[in-house]
Amino acid sequence: MALIDSQGRIYIGEEAGKRLGYEPGERIAFVMIDQMLYRLSDPNDRLLDENVVVCENTMVDEKYRFVVPKPIRKMYTREANILEKDGSLYIQFFRLQSDEVWLRAKLLGAMTDDRK
């Protein structure tokens, strides 16, 4: 499992980045596969029946991290899986921010937290 940090970055790992050809400074785009799954791609790639989401200039940095575009970050919670399939990296989010069950559990946890 991977977490989106406080600056909106997610770490893909140096080994996976090098193996799949993601170099520091390279631009990437998010291709929406379904509601919770995105494929990382070259922003110039256009495939039939896929929606390329390029909301911000997202680049891989020297530590093999990249910023998840703000509209995508606002839709999902901070937890995600980094998946590799057929030479591509995918990000699979677990929950929508608006997921009522998740919000209720979080509120209940905060109300019953005795560490305060």
PDB file of N, CA and C in Angstrom:
ATOM      1  N   MET A   1       0.843  -1.184   0.000  1.00  0.00           N
ATOM      2  CA  MET A   1       0.000   0.000   0.000  1.00  0.00           C
ATOM      3  C   MET A   1       0.879   1.235   0.000  1.00  0.00           C
ATOM      4  N   ALA A   2       0.455   2.246  -0.696  1.00  0.00           N
ATOM      5  CA  ALA A   2       1.164   3.516  -0.762  1.00  0.00           C
ATOM      6  C   ALA A   2       0.263   4.613  -0.203  1.00  0.00           C
ATOM      7  N   LEU A   3       0.895   5.638   0.366  1.00  0.00           N
ATOM      8  CA  LEU A   3       0.161   6.782   0.893  1.00  0.00           C
ATOM      9  C   LEU A   3       0.540   8.039   0.139  1.00  0.00           C
ATOM     10  N   ILE A   4      -0.431   8.868  -0.102  1.00  0.00           N
ATOM     11  CA  ILE A   4      -0.167  10.179  -0.687  1.00  0.00           C
ATOM     12  C   ILE A   4       0.273  11.073   0.463  1.00  0.00           C
ATOM     13  N   ASP A   5       1.466  11.677   0.348  1.00  0.00           N
ATOM     14  CA  ASP A   5       1.989  12.475   1.454  1.00  0.00           C
ATOM     15  C   ASP A   5       1.307  13.845   1.536  1.00  0.00           C
ATOM     16  N   SER A   6       1.715  14.653   2.498  1.00  0.00           N
ATOM     17  CA  SER A   6       1.068  15.944   2.735  1.00  0.00           C
ATOM     18  C   SER A   6       1.232  16.929   1.586  1.00  0.00           C
ATOM     19  N   GLN A   7       2.220  16.712   0.710  1.00  0.00           N
ATOM     20  CA  GLN A   7       2.391  17.564  -0.463  1.00  0.00           C
ATOM     21  C   GLN A   7       1.748  16.970  -1.716  1.00  0.00           C
ATOM     22  N   GLY A   8       0.983  15.894  -1.547  1.00  0.00           N
ATOM     23  CA  GLY A   8       0.253  15.301  -2.656  1.00  0.00           C
ATOM     24  C   GLY A   8       1.078  14.359  -3.512  1.00  0.00           C
ATOM     25  N   ARG A   9       2.245  13.934  -3.012  1.00  0.00           N
ATOM     26  CA  ARG A   9       3.119  13.056  -3.795  1.00  0.00           C
ATOM     27  C   ARG A   9       2.916  11.603  -3.394  1.00  0.00           C
ATOM     28  N   ILE A  10       3.191  10.736  -4.360  1.00  0.00           N
ATOM     29  CA  ILE A  10       3.155   9.300  -4.113  1.00  0.00           C
ATOM     30  C   ILE A  10       4.446   8.699  -4.654  1.00  0.00           C
ATOM     31  N   TYR A  11       4.968   7.727  -3.959  1.00  0.00           N
ATOM     32  CA  TYR A  11       6.256   7.124  -4.277  1.00  0.00           C
ATOM     33  C   TYR A  11       6.027   5.835  -5.063  1.00  0.00           C
ATOM     34  N   ILE A  12       6.643   5.722  -6.251  1.00  0.00           N
ATOM     35  CA  ILE A  12       6.476   4.508  -7.053  1.00  0.00           C
ATOM     36  C   ILE A  12       7.606   3.519  -6.850  1.00  0.00           C
ATOM     37  N   GLY A  13       8.708   3.953  -6.295  1.00  0.00           N
ATOM     38  CA  GLY A  13       9.843   3.063  -6.062  1.00  0.00           C
ATOM     39  C   GLY A  13      10.867   3.172  -7.177  1.00  0.00           C
ATOM     40  N   GLU A  14      12.132   3.273  -6.779  1.00  0.00           N
ATOM     41  CA  GLU A  14      13.207   3.439  -7.757  1.00  0.00           C
ATOM     42  C   GLU A  14      13.319   2.220  -8.673  1.00  0.00           C
ATOM     43  N   GLU A  15      13.212   1.033  -8.104  1.00  0.00           N
ATOM     44  CA  GLU A  15      13.354  -0.181  -8.907  1.00  0.00           C
ATOM     45  C   GLU A  15      12.265  -0.280  -9.975  1.00  0.00           C
ATOM     46  N   ALA A  16      11.025  -0.087  -9.575  1.00  0.00           N
ATOM     47  CA  ALA A  16       9.916  -0.140 -10.538  1.00  0.00           C
ATOM     48  C   ALA A  16      10.023   0.996 -11.548  1.00  0.00           C
ATOM     49  N   GLY A  17      10.384   2.186 -11.080  1.00  0.00           N
ATOM     50  CA  GLY A  17      10.524   3.325 -11.989  1.00  0.00           C
ATOM     51  C   GLY A  17      11.555   3.075 -13.074  1.00  0.00           C
ATOM     52  N   LYS A  18      12.715   2.581 -12.686  1.00  0.00           N
ATOM     53  CA  LYS A  18      13.775   2.307 -13.672  1.00  0.00           C
ATOM     54  C   LYS A  18      13.382   1.162 -14.599  1.00  0.00           C
ATOM     55  N   ARG A  19      12.803   0.115 -14.036  1.00  0.00           N
ATOM     56  CA  ARG A  19      12.425  -1.052 -14.833  1.00  0.00           C
ATOM     57  C   ARG A  19      11.394  -0.695 -15.909  1.00  0.00           C
ATOM     58  N   LEU A  20      10.475   0.212 -15.580  1.00  0.00           N
ATOM     59  CA  LEU A  20       9.413   0.579 -16.511  1.00  0.00           C
ATOM     60  C   LEU A  20       9.727   1.834 -17.321  1.00  0.00           C
ATOM     61  N   GLY A  21      10.918   2.398 -17.129  1.00  0.00           N
ATOM     62  CA  GLY A  21      11.351   3.525 -17.949  1.00  0.00           C
ATOM     63  C   GLY A  21      10.897   4.888 -17.489  1.00  0.00           C
ATOM     64  N   TYR A  22      10.511   5.025 -16.233  1.00  0.00           N
ATOM     65  CA  TYR A  22      10.140   6.337 -15.704  1.00  0.00           C
ATOM     66  C   TYR A  22      11.408   7.015 -15.196  1.00  0.00           C
ATOM     67  N   GLU A  23      11.808   8.072 -15.848  1.00  0.00           N
ATOM     68  CA  GLU A  23      13.027   8.798 -15.493  1.00  0.00           C
ATOM     69  C   GLU A  23      12.669  10.102 -14.793  1.00  0.00           C
ATOM     70  N   PRO A  24      13.514  10.551 -13.846  1.00  0.00           N
ATOM     71  CA  PRO A  24      13.263  11.844 -13.210  1.00  0.00           C
ATOM     72  C   PRO A  24      13.135  12.957 -14.257  1.00  0.00           C
ATOM     73  N   GLY A  25      12.140  13.820 -14.064  1.00  0.00           N
ATOM     74  CA  GLY A  25      11.880  14.911 -14.998  1.00  0.00           C
ATOM     75  C   GLY A  25      10.895  14.554 -16.101  1.00  0.00           C
ATOM     76  N   GLU A  26      10.500  13.294 -16.186  1.00  0.00           N
ATOM     77  CA  GLU A  26       9.566  12.854 -17.216  1.00  0.00           C
ATOM     78  C   GLU A  26       8.140  13.211 -16.807  1.00  0.00           C
ATOM     79  N   ARG A  27       7.379  13.750 -17.759  1.00  0.00           N
ATOM     80  CA  ARG A  27       5.975  14.081 -17.499  1.00  0.00           C
ATOM     81  C   ARG A  27       5.135  12.819 -17.567  1.00  0.00           C
ATOM     82  N   ILE A  28       4.128  12.750 -16.718  1.00  0.00           N
ATOM     83  CA  ILE A  28       3.207  11.624 -16.763  1.00  0.00           C
ATOM     84  C   ILE A  28       1.775  12.129 -16.677  1.00  0.00           C
ATOM     85  N   ALA A  29       0.871  11.305 -17.194  1.00  0.00           N
ATOM     86  CA  ALA A  29      -0.556  11.612 -17.158  1.00  0.00           C
ATOM     87  C   ALA A  29      -1.282  10.447 -16.502  1.00  0.00           C
ATOM     88  N   PHE A  30      -2.458  10.721 -16.022  1.00  0.00           N
ATOM     89  CA  PHE A  30      -3.306   9.701 -15.431  1.00  0.00           C
ATOM     90  C   PHE A  30      -4.377   9.333 -16.441  1.00  0.00           C
ATOM     91  N   VAL A  31      -4.470   8.058 -16.780  1.00  0.00           N
ATOM     92  CA  VAL A  31      -5.495   7.569 -17.703  1.00  0.00           C
ATOM     93  C   VAL A  31      -6.516   6.819 -16.862  1.00  0.00           C
ATOM     94  N   MET A  32      -7.742   7.301 -16.862  1.00  0.00           N
ATOM     95  CA  MET A  32      -8.774   6.675 -16.047  1.00  0.00           C
ATOM     96  C   MET A  32      -9.234   5.378 -16.696  1.00  0.00           C
ATOM     97  N   ILE A  33      -9.072   4.274 -15.967  1.00  0.00           N
ATOM     98  CA  ILE A  33      -9.509   2.967 -16.451  1.00  0.00           C
ATOM     99  C   ILE A  33     -10.918   2.689 -15.942  1.00  0.00           C
ATOM    100  N   ASP A  34     -11.152   2.884 -14.663  1.00  0.00           N
ATOM    101  CA  ASP A  34     -12.486   2.839 -14.079  1.00  0.00           C
ATOM    102  C   ASP A  34     -12.526   3.817 -12.907  1.00  0.00           C
ATOM    103  N   GLN A  35     -13.577   3.757 -12.110  1.00  0.00           N
ATOM    104  CA  GLN A  35     -13.773   4.778 -11.072  1.00  0.00           C
ATOM    105  C   GLN A  35     -12.619   4.872 -10.081  1.00  0.00           C
ATOM    106  N   MET A  36     -11.947   3.773  -9.789  1.00  0.00           N
ATOM    107  CA  MET A  36     -10.891   3.784  -8.767  1.00  0.00           C
ATOM    108  C   MET A  36      -9.505   3.467  -9.326  1.00  0.00           C
ATOM    109  N   LEU A  37      -9.372   3.214 -10.604  1.00  0.00           N
ATOM    110  CA  LEU A  37      -8.109   2.740 -11.177  1.00  0.00           C
ATOM    111  C   LEU A  37      -7.624   3.682 -12.276  1.00  0.00           C
ATOM    112  N   TYR A  38      -6.341   4.083 -12.184  1.00  0.00           N
ATOM    113  CA  TYR A  38      -5.715   4.952 -13.176  1.00  0.00           C
ATOM    114  C   TYR A  38      -4.415   4.320 -13.648  1.00  0.00           C
ATOM    115  N   ARG A  39      -4.142   4.451 -14.937  1.00  0.00           N
ATOM    116  CA  ARG A  39      -2.867   3.992 -15.491  1.00  0.00           C
ATOM    117  C   ARG A  39      -1.986   5.208 -15.707  1.00  0.00           C
ATOM    118  N   LEU A  40      -0.695   5.088 -15.345  1.00  0.00           N
ATOM    119  CA  LEU A  40       0.253   6.166 -15.603  1.00  0.00           C
ATOM    120  C   LEU A  40       0.725   6.036 -17.039  1.00  0.00           C
ATOM    121  N   SER A  41       0.775   7.156 -17.735  1.00  0.00           N
ATOM    122  CA  SER A  41       1.067   7.116 -19.157  1.00  0.00           C
ATOM    123  C   SER A  41       1.787   8.380 -19.594  1.00  0.00           C
ATOM    124  N   ASP A  42       2.329   8.339 -20.783  1.00  0.00           N
ATOM    125  CA  ASP A  42       2.887   9.522 -21.425  1.00  0.00           C
ATOM    126  C   ASP A  42       1.711  10.435 -21.795  1.00  0.00           C
ATOM    127  N   PRO A  43       1.772  11.728 -21.496  1.00  0.00           N
ATOM    128  CA  PRO A  43       0.651  12.626 -21.805  1.00  0.00           C
ATOM    129  C   PRO A  43       0.300  12.686 -23.289  1.00  0.00           C
ATOM    130  N   ASN A  44       1.216  12.300 -24.147  1.00  0.00           N
ATOM    131  CA  ASN A  44       0.944  12.340 -25.588  1.00  0.00           C
ATOM    132  C   ASN A  44       0.261  11.089 -26.101  1.00  0.00           C
ATOM    133  N   ASP A  45       0.199  10.028 -25.294  1.00  0.00           N
ATOM    134  CA  ASP A  45      -0.469   8.793 -25.710  1.00  0.00           C
ATOM    135  C   ASP A  45      -1.973   9.000 -25.725  1.00  0.00           C
ATOM    136  N   ARG A  46      -2.585   8.551 -26.786  1.00  0.00           N
ATOM    137  CA  ARG A  46      -4.051   8.581 -26.879  1.00  0.00           C
ATOM    138  C   ARG A  46      -4.504   7.197 -27.311  1.00  0.00           C
ATOM    139  N   LEU A  47      -5.242   6.521 -26.460  1.00  0.00           N
ATOM    140  CA  LEU A  47      -5.755   5.205 -26.779  1.00  0.00           C
ATOM    141  C   LEU A  47      -7.272   5.280 -26.873  1.00  0.00           C
ATOM    142  N   LEU A  48      -7.830   4.450 -27.725  1.00  0.00           N
ATOM    143  CA  LEU A  48      -9.276   4.429 -27.880  1.00  0.00           C
ATOM    144  C   LEU A  48      -9.939   4.007 -26.576  1.00  0.00           C
ATOM    145  N   ASP A  49     -11.070   4.623 -26.300  1.00  0.00           N
ATOM    146  CA  ASP A  49     -11.893   4.290 -25.142  1.00  0.00           C
ATOM    147  C   ASP A  49     -11.220   4.558 -23.802  1.00  0.00           C
ATOM    148  N   GLU A  50     -10.232   5.419 -23.745  1.00  0.00           N
ATOM    149  CA  GLU A  50      -9.620   5.796 -22.474  1.00  0.00           C
ATOM    150  C   GLU A  50      -9.621   7.314 -22.360  1.00  0.00           C
ATOM    151  N   ASN A  51      -9.813   7.798 -21.162  1.00  0.00           N
ATOM    152  CA  ASN A  51      -9.827   9.231 -20.909  1.00  0.00           C
ATOM    153  C   ASN A  51      -8.510   9.641 -20.289  1.00  0.00           C
ATOM    154  N   VAL A  52      -7.747  10.469 -20.977  1.00  0.00           N
ATOM    155  CA  VAL A  52      -6.491  10.959 -20.421  1.00  0.00           C
ATOM    156  C   VAL A  52      -6.812  12.139 -19.526  1.00  0.00           C
ATOM    157  N   VAL A  53      -6.327  12.080 -18.306  1.00  0.00           N
ATOM    158  CA  VAL A  53      -6.558  13.147 -17.346  1.00  0.00           C
ATOM    159  C   VAL A  53      -5.227  13.848 -17.117  1.00  0.00           C
ATOM    160  N   VAL A  54      -5.074  15.042 -17.657  1.00  0.00           N
ATOM    161  CA  VAL A  54      -3.862  15.821 -17.431  1.00  0.00           C
ATOM    162  C   VAL A  54      -4.323  17.131 -16.820  1.00  0.00           C
ATOM    163  N   CYS A  55      -4.306  17.172 -15.500  1.00  0.00           N
ATOM    164  CA  CYS A  55      -4.809  18.350 -14.792  1.00  0.00           C
ATOM    165  C   CYS A  55      -3.697  19.306 -14.411  1.00  0.00           C
ATOM    166  N   GLU A  56      -2.520  18.767 -14.222  1.00  0.00           N
ATOM    167  CA  GLU A  56      -1.367  19.556 -13.807  1.00  0.00           C
ATOM    168  C   GLU A  56      -0.147  18.959 -14.496  1.00  0.00           C
ATOM    169  N   ASN A  57       0.944  19.711 -14.525  1.00  0.00           N
ATOM    170  CA  ASN A  57       2.190  19.145 -15.026  1.00  0.00           C
ATOM    171  C   ASN A  57       2.758  18.217 -13.964  1.00  0.00           C
ATOM    172  N   THR A  58       2.510  16.952 -14.116  1.00  0.00           N
ATOM    173  CA  THR A  58       2.991  15.968 -13.154  1.00  0.00           C
ATOM    174  C   THR A  58       4.283  15.374 -13.688  1.00  0.00           C
ATOM    175  N   MET A  59       5.324  15.446 -12.883  1.00  0.00           N
ATOM    176  CA  MET A  59       6.630  14.932 -13.285  1.00  0.00           C
ATOM    177  C   MET A  59       7.175  14.004 -12.215  1.00  0.00           C
ATOM    178  N   VAL A  60       7.929  13.026 -12.658  1.00  0.00           N
ATOM    179  CA  VAL A  60       8.629  12.137 -11.740  1.00  0.00           C
ATOM    180  C   VAL A  60       9.837  12.899 -11.213  1.00  0.00           C
ATOM    181  N   ASP A  61      10.035  12.905  -9.873  1.00  0.00           N
ATOM    182  CA  ASP A  61      11.198  13.596  -9.324  1.00  0.00           C
ATOM    183  C   ASP A  61      12.360  12.623  -9.124  1.00  0.00           C
ATOM    184  N   GLU A  62      13.462  13.117  -8.593  1.00  0.00           N
ATOM    185  CA  GLU A  62      14.686  12.310  -8.457  1.00  0.00           C
ATOM    186  C   GLU A  62      14.528  11.168  -7.458  1.00  0.00           C
ATOM    187  N   LYS A  63      13.507  11.217  -6.607  1.00  0.00           N
ATOM    188  CA  LYS A  63      13.261  10.139  -5.652  1.00  0.00           C
ATOM    189  C   LYS A  63      12.124   9.220  -6.124  1.00  0.00           C
ATOM    190  N   TYR A  64      11.774   9.335  -7.399  1.00  0.00           N
ATOM    191  CA  TYR A  64      10.724   8.521  -8.023  1.00  0.00           C
ATOM    192  C   TYR A  64       9.376   8.709  -7.332  1.00  0.00           C
ATOM    193  N   ARG A  65       9.059   9.982  -7.104  1.00  0.00           N
ATOM    194  CA  ARG A  65       7.761  10.394  -6.599  1.00  0.00           C
ATOM    195  C   ARG A  65       7.140  11.289  -7.644  1.00  0.00           C
ATOM    196  N   PHE A  66       5.845  11.423  -7.609  1.00  0.00           N
ATOM    197  CA  PHE A  66       5.162  12.378  -8.471  1.00  0.00           C
ATOM    198  C   PHE A  66       3.938  12.882  -7.743  1.00  0.00           C
ATOM    199  N   VAL A  67       3.495  14.056  -8.141  1.00  0.00           N
ATOM    200  CA  VAL A  67       2.325  14.679  -7.523  1.00  0.00           C
ATOM    201  C   VAL A  67       1.067  14.128  -8.179  1.00  0.00           C
ATOM    202  N   VAL A  68       0.149  13.670  -7.338  1.00  0.00           N
ATOM    203  CA  VAL A  68      -1.162  13.250  -7.823  1.00  0.00           C
ATOM    204  C   VAL A  68      -1.961  14.531  -8.063  1.00  0.00           C
ATOM    205  N   PRO A  69      -2.505  14.730  -9.267  1.00  0.00           N
ATOM    206  CA  PRO A  69      -3.237  15.978  -9.551  1.00  0.00           C
ATOM    207  C   PRO A  69      -4.329  16.252  -8.504  1.00  0.00           C
ATOM    208  N   LYS A  70      -4.464  17.516  -8.166  1.00  0.00           N
ATOM    209  CA  LYS A  70      -5.369  17.943  -7.103  1.00  0.00           C
ATOM    210  C   LYS A  70      -6.816  17.464  -7.301  1.00  0.00           C
ATOM    211  N   PRO A  71      -7.382  17.531  -8.509  1.00  0.00           N
ATOM    212  CA  PRO A  71      -8.760  17.026  -8.659  1.00  0.00           C
ATOM    213  C   PRO A  71      -8.882  15.543  -8.314  1.00  0.00           C
ATOM    214  N   ILE A  72      -7.851  14.776  -8.598  1.00  0.00           N
ATOM    215  CA  ILE A  72      -7.876  13.351  -8.263  1.00  0.00           C
ATOM    216  C   ILE A  72      -7.708  13.176  -6.758  1.00  0.00           C
ATOM    217  N   ARG A  73      -6.794  13.935  -6.144  1.00  0.00           N
ATOM    218  CA  ARG A  73      -6.593  13.857  -4.686  1.00  0.00           C
ATOM    219  C   ARG A  73      -7.868  14.191  -3.925  1.00  0.00           C
ATOM    220  N   LYS A  74      -8.645  15.151  -4.440  1.00  0.00           N
ATOM    221  CA  LYS A  74      -9.876  15.555  -3.762  1.00  0.00           C
ATOM    222  C   LYS A  74     -10.954  14.472  -3.831  1.00  0.00           C
ATOM    223  N   MET A  75     -10.863  13.597  -4.819  1.00  0.00           N
ATOM    224  CA  MET A  75     -11.886  12.561  -4.990  1.00  0.00           C
ATOM    225  C   MET A  75     -11.691  11.371  -4.063  1.00  0.00           C
ATOM    226  N   TYR A  76     -10.435  11.066  -3.722  1.00  0.00           N
ATOM    227  CA  TYR A  76     -10.128   9.823  -3.011  1.00  0.00           C
ATOM    228  C   TYR A  76      -9.438  10.090  -1.685  1.00  0.00           C
ATOM    229  N   THR A  77      -9.425   9.064  -0.838  1.00  0.00           N
ATOM    230  CA  THR A  77      -8.657   9.132   0.392  1.00  0.00           C
ATOM    231  C   THR A  77      -7.177   8.972   0.046  1.00  0.00           C
ATOM    232  N   ARG A  78      -6.290   9.088   1.037  1.00  0.00           N
ATOM    233  CA  ARG A  78      -4.840   9.096   0.787  1.00  0.00           C
ATOM    234  C   ARG A  78      -4.241   7.721   0.511  1.00  0.00           C
ATOM    235  N   GLU A  79      -4.971   6.642   0.746  1.00  0.00           N
ATOM    236  CA  GLU A  79      -4.439   5.296   0.574  1.00  0.00           C
ATOM    237  C   GLU A  79      -4.660   4.804  -0.851  1.00  0.00           C
ATOM    238  N   ALA A  80      -3.635   4.149  -1.394  1.00  0.00           N
ATOM    239  CA  ALA A  80      -3.732   3.610  -2.749  1.00  0.00           C
ATOM    240  C   ALA A  80      -2.791   2.424  -2.898  1.00  0.00           C
ATOM    241  N   ASN A  81      -3.006   1.650  -3.918  1.00  0.00           N
ATOM    242  CA  ASN A  81      -2.089   0.577  -4.293  1.00  0.00           C
ATOM    243  C   ASN A  81      -1.372   0.968  -5.562  1.00  0.00           C
ATOM    244  N   ILE A  82      -0.090   0.648  -5.643  1.00  0.00           N
ATOM    245  CA  ILE A  82       0.673   0.819  -6.870  1.00  0.00           C
ATOM    246  C   ILE A  82       0.759  -0.574  -7.493  1.00  0.00           C
ATOM    247  N   LEU A  83       0.233  -0.728  -8.682  1.00  0.00           N
ATOM    248  CA  LEU A  83       0.197  -2.018  -9.355  1.00  0.00           C
ATOM    249  C   LEU A  83       1.012  -1.956 -10.638  1.00  0.00           C
ATOM    250  N   GLU A  84       1.536  -3.083 -11.050  1.00  0.00           N
ATOM    251  CA  GLU A  84       2.306  -3.175 -12.288  1.00  0.00           C
ATOM    252  C   GLU A  84       1.704  -4.294 -13.136  1.00  0.00           C
ATOM    253  N   LYS A  85       1.380  -3.965 -14.396  1.00  0.00           N
ATOM    254  CA  LYS A  85       0.812  -4.964 -15.289  1.00  0.00           C
ATOM    255  C   LYS A  85       1.152  -4.599 -16.725  1.00  0.00           C
ATOM    256  N   ASP A  86       1.625  -5.572 -17.472  1.00  0.00           N
ATOM    257  CA  ASP A  86       1.930  -5.399 -18.902  1.00  0.00           C
ATOM    258  C   ASP A  86       2.821  -4.192 -19.174  1.00  0.00           C
ATOM    259  N   GLY A  87       3.816  -3.969 -18.330  1.00  0.00           N
ATOM    260  CA  GLY A  87       4.768  -2.889 -18.537  1.00  0.00           C
ATOM    261  C   GLY A  87       4.257  -1.499 -18.189  1.00  0.00           C
ATOM    262  N   SER A  88       3.141  -1.423 -17.481  1.00  0.00           N
ATOM    263  CA  SER A  88       2.594  -0.131 -17.073  1.00  0.00           C
ATOM    264  C   SER A  88       2.363  -0.116 -15.575  1.00  0.00           C
ATOM    265  N   LEU A  89       2.388   1.080 -15.001  1.00  0.00           N
ATOM    266  CA  LEU A  89       2.060   1.257 -13.586  1.00  0.00           C
ATOM    267  C   LEU A  89       0.622   1.750 -13.472  1.00  0.00           C
ATOM    268  N   TYR A  90      -0.053   1.248 -12.455  1.00  0.00           N
ATOM    269  CA  TYR A  90      -1.424   1.634 -12.182  1.00  0.00           C
ATOM    270  C   TYR A  90      -1.512   2.112 -10.735  1.00  0.00           C
ATOM    271  N   ILE A  91      -2.422   3.027 -10.493  1.00  0.00           N
ATOM    272  CA  ILE A  91      -2.733   3.451  -9.136  1.00  0.00           C
ATOM    273  C   ILE A  91      -4.191   3.095  -8.902  1.00  0.00           C
ATOM    274  N   GLN A  92      -4.410   2.304  -7.867  1.00  0.00           N
ATOM    275  CA  GLN A  92      -5.759   1.924  -7.501  1.00  0.00           C
ATOM    276  C   GLN A  92      -6.092   2.537  -6.149  1.00  0.00           C
ATOM    277  N   PHE A  93      -7.087   3.405  -6.144  1.00  0.00           N
ATOM    278  CA  PHE A  93      -7.517   4.041  -4.907  1.00  0.00           C
ATOM    279  C   PHE A  93      -8.527   3.140  -4.215  1.00  0.00           C
ATOM    280  N   PHE A  94      -8.601   3.244  -2.878  1.00  0.00           N
ATOM    281  CA  PHE A  94      -9.475   2.384  -2.099  1.00  0.00           C
ATOM    282  C   PHE A  94     -10.864   2.962  -1.894  1.00  0.00           C
ATOM    283  N   ARG A  95     -10.917   4.245  -1.542  1.00  0.00           N
ATOM    284  CA  ARG A  95     -12.193   4.841  -1.165  1.00  0.00           C
ATOM    285  C   ARG A  95     -12.342   6.245  -1.728  1.00  0.00           C
ATOM    286  N   LEU A  96     -13.580   6.581  -2.036  1.00  0.00           N
ATOM    287  CA  LEU A  96     -13.912   7.953  -2.390  1.00  0.00           C
ATOM    288  C   LEU A  96     -13.981   8.781  -1.118  1.00  0.00           C
ATOM    289  N   GLN A  97     -13.614  10.057  -1.219  1.00  0.00           N
ATOM    290  CA  GLN A  97     -13.736  10.962  -0.071  1.00  0.00           C
ATOM    291  C   GLN A  97     -15.183  11.042   0.405  1.00  0.00           C
ATOM    292  N   SER A  98     -16.120  10.922  -0.519  1.00  0.00           N
ATOM    293  CA  SER A  98     -17.527  11.076  -0.179  1.00  0.00           C
ATOM    294  C   SER A  98     -18.162   9.776   0.304  1.00  0.00           C
ATOM    295  N   ASP A  99     -17.390   8.736   0.457  1.00  0.00           N
ATOM    296  CA  ASP A  99     -17.907   7.449   0.907  1.00  0.00           C
ATOM    297  C   ASP A  99     -18.483   7.596   2.320  1.00  0.00           C
ATOM    298  N   GLU A 100     -19.796   7.514   2.416  1.00  0.00           N
ATOM    299  CA  GLU A 100     -20.465   7.769   3.684  1.00  0.00           C
ATOM    300  C   GLU A 100     -20.041   6.822   4.792  1.00  0.00           C
ATOM    301  N   VAL A 101     -19.876   5.553   4.468  1.00  0.00           N
ATOM    302  CA  VAL A 101     -19.492   4.576   5.487  1.00  0.00           C
ATOM    303  C   VAL A 101     -18.124   4.921   6.050  1.00  0.00           C
ATOM    304  N   TRP A 102     -17.195   5.291   5.163  1.00  0.00           N
ATOM    305  CA  TRP A 102     -15.848   5.644   5.605  1.00  0.00           C
ATOM    306  C   TRP A 102     -15.884   6.893   6.489  1.00  0.00           C
ATOM    307  N   LEU A 103     -16.659   7.892   6.069  1.00  0.00           N
ATOM    308  CA  LEU A 103     -16.755   9.124   6.853  1.00  0.00           C
ATOM    309  C   LEU A 103     -17.352   8.866   8.234  1.00  0.00           C
ATOM    310  N   ARG A 104     -18.386   8.043   8.294  1.00  0.00           N
ATOM    311  CA  ARG A 104     -18.997   7.733   9.592  1.00  0.00           C
ATOM    312  C   ARG A 104     -18.003   7.033  10.507  1.00  0.00           C
ATOM    313  N   ALA A 105     -17.258   6.066   9.966  1.00  0.00           N
ATOM    314  CA  ALA A 105     -16.276   5.335  10.765  1.00  0.00           C
ATOM    315  C   ALA A 105     -15.193   6.280  11.275  1.00  0.00           C
ATOM    316  N   LYS A 106     -14.754   7.202  10.412  1.00  0.00           N
ATOM    317  CA  LYS A 106     -13.721   8.153  10.815  1.00  0.00           C
ATOM    318  C   LYS A 106     -14.233   9.075  11.924  1.00  0.00           C
ATOM    319  N   LEU A 107     -15.467   9.568  11.777  1.00  0.00           N
ATOM    320  CA  LEU A 107     -16.054  10.430  12.802  1.00  0.00           C
ATOM    321  C   LEU A 107     -16.236   9.675  14.120  1.00  0.00           C
ATOM    322  N   LEU A 108     -16.708   8.454  14.035  1.00  0.00           N
ATOM    323  CA  LEU A 108     -16.895   7.653  15.237  1.00  0.00           C
ATOM    324  C   LEU A 108     -15.549   7.400  15.918  1.00  0.00           C
ATOM    325  N   GLY A 109     -14.515   7.111  15.138  1.00  0.00           N
ATOM    326  CA  GLY A 109     -13.182   6.905  15.682  1.00  0.00           C
ATOM    327  C   GLY A 109     -12.659   8.147  16.376  1.00  0.00           C
ATOM    328  N   ALA A 110     -12.905   9.306  15.783  1.00  0.00           N
ATOM    329  CA  ALA A 110     -12.450  10.571  16.378  1.00  0.00           C
ATOM    330  C   ALA A 110     -13.196  10.875  17.674  1.00  0.00           C
ATOM    331  N   MET A 111     -14.481  10.534  17.705  1.00  0.00           N
ATOM    332  CA  MET A 111     -15.288  10.808  18.890  1.00  0.00           C
ATOM    333  C   MET A 111     -14.910   9.879  20.043  1.00  0.00           C
ATOM    334  N   THR A 112     -14.481   8.680  19.730  1.00  0.00           N
ATOM    335  CA  THR A 112     -14.166   7.701  20.794  1.00  0.00           C
ATOM    336  C   THR A 112     -12.678   7.606  21.070  1.00  0.00           C
ATOM    337  N   ASP A 113     -11.866   8.447  20.452  1.00  0.00           N
ATOM    338  CA  ASP A 113     -10.419   8.427  20.658  1.00  0.00           C
ATOM    339  C   ASP A 113     -10.112   8.999  22.039  1.00  0.00           C
ATOM    340  N   ASP A 114      -9.543   8.167  22.917  1.00  0.00           N
ATOM    341  CA  ASP A 114      -9.263   8.614  24.283  1.00  0.00           C
ATOM    342  C   ASP A 114      -7.866   9.197  24.453  1.00  0.00           C
ATOM    343  N   ARG A 115      -7.150   9.429  23.378  1.00  0.00           N
ATOM    344  CA  ARG A 115      -5.800  10.010  23.469  1.00  0.00           C
ATOM    345  C   ARG A 115      -5.828  11.510  23.681  1.00  0.00           C
ATOM    346  N   LYS A 116      -6.967  12.147  23.617  1.00  0.00           N
ATOM    347  CA  LYS A 116      -7.065  13.603  23.715  1.00  0.00           C
ATOM    348  C   LYS A 116      -6.820  14.087  25.116  1.00  0.00           C
TER     349      LYS A 116
END
